Protein backbone atom coordinates (compact mmCIF):
# COMPACT_ATOMS: atom_id res chain seq x y z
CA MET A 1 79.44 -203.11 0.28
CA TYR A 2 80.36 -199.44 -0.13
CA ASN A 3 83.96 -198.47 -0.87
CA ARG A 4 84.97 -194.88 -0.04
CA LYS A 5 88.10 -194.84 -2.17
CA LYS A 6 88.07 -192.15 -4.83
CA PRO A 7 88.70 -193.28 -8.37
CA LEU A 8 92.29 -192.75 -9.50
CA GLU A 9 92.87 -189.67 -11.62
CA GLU A 10 94.12 -190.21 -15.14
CA VAL A 11 97.70 -188.87 -15.29
CA PRO A 12 98.29 -187.06 -18.61
CA GLN A 13 101.02 -188.59 -20.74
CA VAL A 14 103.30 -186.47 -22.92
CA ASN A 15 105.95 -187.26 -25.50
CA THR A 16 109.17 -186.95 -23.44
CA LYS A 17 112.81 -186.85 -24.55
CA ILE A 18 114.85 -189.52 -22.75
CA TRP A 19 118.30 -191.09 -22.77
CA ALA A 20 118.30 -194.88 -23.17
CA CYS A 21 121.25 -197.25 -22.83
CA GLU A 22 122.27 -198.63 -26.23
CA THR A 23 123.69 -201.87 -24.79
CA GLU A 24 121.57 -204.89 -25.68
CA GLY A 25 120.02 -206.36 -22.53
CA CYS A 26 120.36 -203.17 -20.45
CA ASN A 27 117.00 -201.48 -19.80
CA SER A 28 118.40 -198.34 -18.18
CA TRP A 29 116.95 -194.96 -19.18
CA MET A 30 116.49 -191.46 -17.75
CA ARG A 31 114.52 -188.35 -18.62
CA ASP A 32 116.57 -185.74 -20.46
CA ASN A 33 115.57 -182.93 -18.07
CA PHE A 34 116.83 -185.00 -15.10
CA SER A 35 120.31 -185.74 -16.51
CA PHE A 36 123.37 -183.75 -15.43
CA GLU A 37 125.43 -184.19 -18.62
CA ARG A 38 124.79 -183.26 -22.24
CA VAL A 39 125.37 -186.90 -23.30
CA PRO A 40 125.18 -189.14 -20.22
CA SER A 41 126.63 -192.61 -19.81
CA CYS A 42 124.62 -195.49 -18.35
CA VAL A 43 124.78 -195.64 -14.55
CA ILE A 44 124.41 -199.44 -14.63
CA CYS A 45 126.85 -200.58 -17.34
CA ASN A 46 128.77 -197.31 -18.01
CA GLU A 47 128.08 -197.48 -21.77
CA PRO A 48 126.96 -194.56 -23.95
CA MET A 49 123.28 -193.62 -24.09
CA VAL A 50 121.21 -192.54 -27.09
CA SER A 51 118.45 -189.95 -27.29
CA GLU A 52 114.88 -191.26 -27.75
CA GLU A 53 111.31 -190.19 -27.09
CA ARG A 54 108.65 -192.04 -25.08
CA MET A 55 105.12 -191.39 -23.90
CA LEU A 56 105.50 -190.88 -20.14
CA PRO A 57 103.48 -189.27 -17.33
CA ALA A 58 104.11 -185.53 -17.17
CA LEU A 59 106.64 -184.46 -14.52
CA ALA A 60 108.05 -181.05 -13.73
CA ASN A 61 111.72 -180.67 -12.79
CA SER A 62 111.92 -177.60 -10.58
CA THR A 63 115.74 -177.48 -10.40
CA ALA A 64 117.69 -175.15 -12.63
CA GLU A 65 119.57 -176.58 -15.58
CA VAL A 66 123.05 -177.48 -14.24
CA ARG A 67 124.54 -179.48 -17.12
CA SER A 68 128.29 -179.48 -17.67
């Protein structure tokens, strides 16, 4: 049987700066270029977040930097 679906394109992954919740058991994280604060707090448990890097698919944030 012939399947017309195109093969999925490989999305390039880049080393990305993120903010991760430091609370044990909380898996919350966000990309640095999508956060509104210089040092954000976790939106789930309201605890401080720490800066880390992860290999993630490349995304472009087209909004201007509006951090307080």
